[in-house]
Amino acid sequence: MQTVDYYAVILTDYPDALSVKQTAQILNISIKSLYKLIHTGKIKAIKVGKVHRISKIRLIEYICESGSQ
């Protein structure tokens, strides 16, 4: 199983657009640290109204990229 497919299977219980809180819990980091990753462009997010949403695909890309470094 490819790494991307592996993470897609693990995250099946989560919605396609994750909240900041959900994403921070998945990565086991603080919300403040997640916002730093978003603002530096390491994790791509979109802003819907006043809140950020992170797509599962972007989160999986980040995990795969950071794991290969």
N, C-alpha and C. Protein backbone atom coordinates (compact mmCIF):
# COMPACT_ATOMS: atom_id res chain seq x y z
N MET A 1 0.85 -1.18 0.00
CA MET A 1 0.00 0.00 0.00
C MET A 1 0.89 1.25 0.00
N GLN A 2 0.58 2.21 -0.87
CA GLN A 2 1.35 3.43 -0.93
C GLN A 2 1.06 4.28 0.30
N THR A 3 2.02 5.14 0.64
CA THR A 3 1.89 5.99 1.82
C THR A 3 0.63 6.85 1.77
N VAL A 4 0.36 7.46 0.62
CA VAL A 4 -0.82 8.32 0.49
C VAL A 4 -2.09 7.52 0.74
N ASP A 5 -2.18 6.34 0.17
CA ASP A 5 -3.35 5.48 0.39
C ASP A 5 -3.48 5.08 1.85
N TYR A 6 -2.35 4.82 2.49
CA TYR A 6 -2.34 4.44 3.91
C TYR A 6 -2.98 5.55 4.75
N TYR A 7 -2.54 6.79 4.55
CA TYR A 7 -3.10 7.90 5.33
C TYR A 7 -4.55 8.16 4.97
N ALA A 8 -4.91 7.97 3.72
CA ALA A 8 -6.31 8.16 3.31
C ALA A 8 -7.21 7.18 4.06
N VAL A 9 -6.74 5.96 4.23
CA VAL A 9 -7.52 4.95 4.96
C VAL A 9 -7.62 5.32 6.44
N ILE A 10 -6.52 5.76 7.02
CA ILE A 10 -6.51 6.13 8.44
C ILE A 10 -7.47 7.29 8.72
N LEU A 11 -7.59 8.21 7.78
CA LEU A 11 -8.38 9.42 7.99
C LEU A 11 -9.81 9.31 7.47
N THR A 12 -10.29 8.11 7.18
CA THR A 12 -11.64 7.95 6.62
C THR A 12 -12.74 8.43 7.56
N ASP A 13 -12.51 8.43 8.86
CA ASP A 13 -13.54 8.87 9.81
C ASP A 13 -13.65 10.38 9.90
N TYR A 14 -12.74 11.10 9.27
CA TYR A 14 -12.74 12.56 9.31
C TYR A 14 -13.40 13.13 8.06
N PRO A 15 -13.96 14.34 8.16
CA PRO A 15 -14.55 14.97 6.97
C PRO A 15 -13.46 15.38 5.98
N ASP A 16 -13.85 15.66 4.75
CA ASP A 16 -12.89 16.05 3.72
C ASP A 16 -12.24 17.40 4.01
N ALA A 17 -12.96 18.29 4.67
CA ALA A 17 -12.43 19.60 5.06
C ALA A 17 -12.31 19.61 6.58
N LEU A 18 -11.08 19.60 7.07
CA LEU A 18 -10.83 19.50 8.50
C LEU A 18 -10.74 20.87 9.16
N SER A 19 -11.18 20.94 10.39
CA SER A 19 -11.01 22.17 11.17
C SER A 19 -9.58 22.25 11.68
N VAL A 20 -9.22 23.41 12.17
CA VAL A 20 -7.88 23.58 12.74
C VAL A 20 -7.72 22.64 13.95
N LYS A 21 -8.74 22.55 14.76
CA LYS A 21 -8.68 21.69 15.95
C LYS A 21 -8.48 20.22 15.56
N GLN A 22 -9.25 19.74 14.57
CA GLN A 22 -9.12 18.36 14.13
C GLN A 22 -7.72 18.09 13.58
N THR A 23 -7.23 19.02 12.76
CA THR A 23 -5.91 18.85 12.15
C THR A 23 -4.82 18.83 13.20
N ALA A 24 -4.91 19.71 14.17
CA ALA A 24 -3.92 19.74 15.26
C ALA A 24 -3.95 18.44 16.05
N GLN A 25 -5.13 17.89 16.28
CA GLN A 25 -5.23 16.62 16.99
C GLN A 25 -4.61 15.49 16.19
N ILE A 26 -4.85 15.46 14.89
CA ILE A 26 -4.29 14.41 14.03
C ILE A 26 -2.77 14.46 14.06
N LEU A 27 -2.23 15.68 13.98
CA LEU A 27 -0.77 15.86 13.95
C LEU A 27 -0.14 15.83 15.35
N ASN A 28 -0.99 15.87 16.37
CA ASN A 28 -0.53 15.88 17.76
C ASN A 28 0.36 17.10 18.03
N ILE A 29 -0.12 18.26 17.57
CA ILE A 29 0.57 19.53 17.81
C ILE A 29 -0.44 20.53 18.36
N SER A 30 0.04 21.65 18.86
CA SER A 30 -0.86 22.68 19.37
C SER A 30 -1.51 23.43 18.21
N ILE A 31 -2.61 24.07 18.51
CA ILE A 31 -3.29 24.87 17.50
C ILE A 31 -2.39 26.02 17.06
N LYS A 32 -1.66 26.60 17.98
CA LYS A 32 -0.73 27.69 17.66
C LYS A 32 0.34 27.21 16.67
N SER A 33 0.87 26.02 16.88
CA SER A 33 1.88 25.46 15.97
C SER A 33 1.27 25.22 14.59
N LEU A 34 0.02 24.77 14.55
CA LEU A 34 -0.64 24.54 13.28
C LEU A 34 -0.83 25.85 12.52
N TYR A 35 -1.23 26.91 13.23
CA TYR A 35 -1.38 28.20 12.56
C TYR A 35 -0.04 28.68 12.00
N LYS A 36 1.06 28.41 12.68
CA LYS A 36 2.38 28.76 12.14
C LYS A 36 2.64 28.01 10.83
N LEU A 37 2.29 26.72 10.79
CA LEU A 37 2.46 25.93 9.57
C LEU A 37 1.59 26.47 8.44
N ILE A 38 0.39 26.91 8.77
CA ILE A 38 -0.51 27.47 7.76
C ILE A 38 0.04 28.80 7.24
N HIS A 39 0.45 29.67 8.15
CA HIS A 39 0.92 31.00 7.75
C HIS A 39 2.25 30.96 7.00
N THR A 40 3.06 29.94 7.24
CA THR A 40 4.31 29.81 6.49
C THR A 40 4.12 29.06 5.17
N GLY A 41 2.91 28.55 4.95
CA GLY A 41 2.61 27.85 3.70
C GLY A 41 3.01 26.39 3.68
N LYS A 42 3.44 25.86 4.83
CA LYS A 42 3.83 24.45 4.87
C LYS A 42 2.61 23.54 4.79
N ILE A 43 1.50 24.00 5.34
CA ILE A 43 0.22 23.30 5.19
C ILE A 43 -0.71 24.27 4.48
N LYS A 44 -1.28 23.84 3.38
CA LYS A 44 -2.19 24.69 2.61
C LYS A 44 -3.59 24.61 3.22
N ALA A 45 -4.16 25.78 3.44
CA ALA A 45 -5.50 25.86 4.02
C ALA A 45 -6.29 26.92 3.27
N ILE A 46 -7.59 26.83 3.36
CA ILE A 46 -8.44 27.88 2.81
C ILE A 46 -9.19 28.52 3.96
N LYS A 47 -9.53 29.77 3.79
CA LYS A 47 -10.27 30.47 4.82
C LYS A 47 -11.73 30.56 4.39
N VAL A 48 -12.61 30.05 5.23
CA VAL A 48 -14.05 30.08 4.98
C VAL A 48 -14.64 30.99 6.06
N GLY A 49 -15.00 32.18 5.66
CA GLY A 49 -15.44 33.15 6.66
C GLY A 49 -14.25 33.53 7.53
N LYS A 50 -14.35 33.27 8.81
CA LYS A 50 -13.27 33.60 9.73
C LYS A 50 -12.42 32.39 10.13
N VAL A 51 -12.77 31.22 9.62
CA VAL A 51 -12.07 30.00 10.04
C VAL A 51 -11.29 29.38 8.89
N HIS A 52 -10.21 28.72 9.24
CA HIS A 52 -9.42 27.99 8.25
C HIS A 52 -9.92 26.56 8.16
N ARG A 53 -9.87 26.02 6.96
CA ARG A 53 -10.18 24.61 6.72
C ARG A 53 -9.01 24.00 5.96
N ILE A 54 -8.66 22.79 6.34
CA ILE A 54 -7.55 22.07 5.70
C ILE A 54 -8.14 20.84 5.04
N SER A 55 -7.90 20.69 3.75
CA SER A 55 -8.43 19.50 3.08
C SER A 55 -7.59 18.29 3.49
N LYS A 56 -8.24 17.16 3.55
CA LYS A 56 -7.53 15.92 3.91
C LYS A 56 -6.38 15.66 2.96
N ILE A 57 -6.59 15.95 1.69
CA ILE A 57 -5.55 15.71 0.69
C ILE A 57 -4.32 16.56 1.01
N ARG A 58 -4.52 17.83 1.36
CA ARG A 58 -3.38 18.71 1.70
C ARG A 58 -2.68 18.23 2.96
N LEU A 59 -3.44 17.74 3.92
CA LEU A 59 -2.84 17.22 5.14
C LEU A 59 -1.99 15.99 4.83
N ILE A 60 -2.51 15.10 4.01
CA ILE A 60 -1.76 13.89 3.63
C ILE A 60 -0.49 14.27 2.88
N GLU A 61 -0.59 15.26 1.98
CA GLU A 61 0.61 15.73 1.27
C GLU A 61 1.65 16.24 2.26
N TYR A 62 1.22 17.03 3.25
CA TYR A 62 2.15 17.56 4.25
C TYR A 62 2.81 16.42 5.03
N ILE A 63 2.04 15.46 5.45
CA ILE A 63 2.58 14.33 6.23
C ILE A 63 3.61 13.57 5.39
N CYS A 64 3.29 13.32 4.14
CA CYS A 64 4.20 12.57 3.27
C CYS A 64 5.49 13.36 3.00
N GLU A 65 5.35 14.67 2.77
CA GLU A 65 6.53 15.50 2.52
C GLU A 65 7.41 15.63 3.76
N SER A 66 6.79 15.83 4.91
CA SER A 66 7.60 16.01 6.12
C SER A 66 8.22 14.69 6.56
N GLY A 67 7.61 13.58 6.21
CA GLY A 67 8.17 12.27 6.54
C GLY A 67 9.34 11.89 5.68
N SER A 68 9.44 12.50 4.48
CA SER A 68 10.52 12.15 3.57
C SER A 68 11.74 13.03 3.76
N GLN A 69 11.67 14.01 4.64
CA GLN A 69 12.81 14.90 4.86
C GLN A 69 13.72 14.39 5.92
